Amino acid sequence: MSKNFRETLNEQLKDPAFQAEWEALEPERQIIRAIFEGRERRDLTQQLDEITGIQQADISRLENGTGNPSLRTLKRLAAGMGMQLKLEFVPKTVQ
């Protein structure tokens, strides 16, 4: 029986080194999720590049986690999806 993603992830999260890296990447996952959800809400597929002036290849890199966007790029993406960028610093949780 093959494991699904969640089962495999839960198993790997038992390793403290893996868990630390997974948690460190949470902001990137939030950005990826926000782009996907923003596109879906506005029913935008390929036209986001036309609206924002950001090349499709660059948007693709952001969506697959291999890009490192500037705040300016994130603001342009948000505006293109009819949204605004909200950035906040929050206290770390102690475990």
Protein backbone atom coordinates (compact mmCIF):
# COMPACT_ATOMS: atom_id res chain seq x y z
CA MET A 1 0.00 0.00 0.00
CA SER A 2 1.50 3.33 -1.00
CA LYS A 3 1.47 6.31 1.32
CA ASN A 4 -0.07 9.61 0.42
CA PHE A 5 1.72 12.93 0.74
CA ARG A 6 0.31 13.77 4.18
CA GLU A 7 1.29 10.38 5.65
CA THR A 8 4.80 10.65 4.24
CA LEU A 9 5.15 14.24 5.47
CA ASN A 10 3.95 13.36 8.97
CA GLU A 11 6.48 10.57 9.10
CA GLN A 12 9.31 12.85 7.96
CA LEU A 13 8.31 15.58 10.41
CA LYS A 14 9.35 13.25 13.24
CA ASP A 15 12.95 14.01 12.23
CA PRO A 16 13.94 17.26 14.03
CA ALA A 17 16.24 18.41 11.20
CA PHE A 18 13.51 17.88 8.60
CA GLN A 19 10.94 19.61 10.81
CA ALA A 20 13.21 22.64 11.29
CA GLU A 21 13.72 22.98 7.53
CA TRP A 22 10.00 22.48 6.84
CA GLU A 23 9.11 25.23 9.31
CA ALA A 24 11.79 27.56 7.89
CA LEU A 25 10.16 27.27 4.46
CA GLU A 26 6.66 28.17 5.67
CA PRO A 27 6.81 31.80 4.42
CA GLU A 28 7.62 30.58 0.91
CA ARG A 29 4.72 28.12 1.04
CA GLN A 30 2.41 30.93 2.14
CA ILE A 31 3.44 33.05 -0.85
CA ILE A 32 2.89 30.15 -3.25
CA ARG A 33 -0.50 29.42 -1.70
CA ALA A 34 -1.49 33.11 -1.90
CA ILE A 35 -0.60 33.30 -5.60
CA PHE A 36 -2.59 30.16 -6.41
CA GLU A 37 -5.59 31.27 -4.36
CA GLY A 38 -5.48 34.80 -5.81
CA ARG A 39 -5.41 33.43 -9.36
CA GLU A 40 -8.28 31.09 -8.59
CA ARG A 41 -10.44 33.81 -7.03
CA ARG A 42 -9.99 36.04 -10.08
CA ASP A 43 -10.14 33.16 -12.55
CA LEU A 44 -6.71 34.14 -13.91
CA THR A 45 -4.64 31.59 -15.74
CA GLN A 46 -2.18 32.82 -18.33
CA GLN A 47 -3.24 36.46 -18.33
CA LEU A 48 -1.57 37.33 -15.01
CA ASP A 49 1.66 38.02 -16.89
CA GLU A 50 -0.15 40.44 -19.22
CA ILE A 51 -1.86 42.22 -16.32
CA THR A 52 1.29 42.58 -14.20
CA GLY A 53 3.98 42.84 -16.85
CA ILE A 54 5.83 40.00 -15.11
CA GLN A 55 7.05 37.30 -17.48
CA GLN A 56 5.14 34.01 -17.29
CA ALA A 57 8.39 32.12 -16.65
CA ASP A 58 9.07 34.32 -13.61
CA ILE A 59 5.55 33.77 -12.27
CA SER A 60 5.99 30.05 -12.80
CA ARG A 61 9.23 30.07 -10.79
CA LEU A 62 7.43 31.81 -7.93
CA GLU A 63 4.62 29.28 -8.02
CA ASN A 64 6.93 26.28 -7.95
CA GLY A 65 9.10 27.71 -5.18
CA THR A 66 12.29 28.27 -7.16
CA GLY A 67 11.97 32.05 -7.46
CA ASN A 68 12.99 34.65 -4.91
CA PRO A 69 10.61 37.57 -5.43
CA SER A 70 11.27 41.14 -4.40
CA LEU A 71 8.64 43.05 -2.47
CA ARG A 72 8.05 45.09 -5.62
CA THR A 73 7.26 41.91 -7.59
CA LEU A 74 4.92 40.66 -4.89
CA LYS A 75 3.13 44.03 -4.87
CA ARG A 76 2.71 43.86 -8.66
CA LEU A 77 1.31 40.33 -8.41
CA ALA A 78 -1.10 41.32 -5.67
CA ALA A 79 -2.29 44.36 -7.63
CA GLY A 80 -2.75 42.23 -10.74
CA MET A 81 -5.01 39.93 -8.75
CA GLY A 82 -7.00 42.85 -7.34
CA MET A 83 -5.36 42.54 -3.95
CA GLN A 84 -2.79 44.30 -1.84
CA LEU A 85 0.28 42.81 -0.23
CA LYS A 86 0.24 42.58 3.55
CA LEU A 87 3.53 41.87 5.26
CA GLU A 88 3.82 41.46 9.00
CA PHE A 89 6.32 40.45 11.61
CA VAL A 90 4.96 38.21 14.33
CA PRO A 91 6.60 36.84 17.47
CA LYS A 92 8.18 33.41 17.20
CA THR A 93 6.42 30.62 18.97
CA VAL A 94 8.50 28.79 21.53
CA GLN A 95 8.37 25.03 21.39
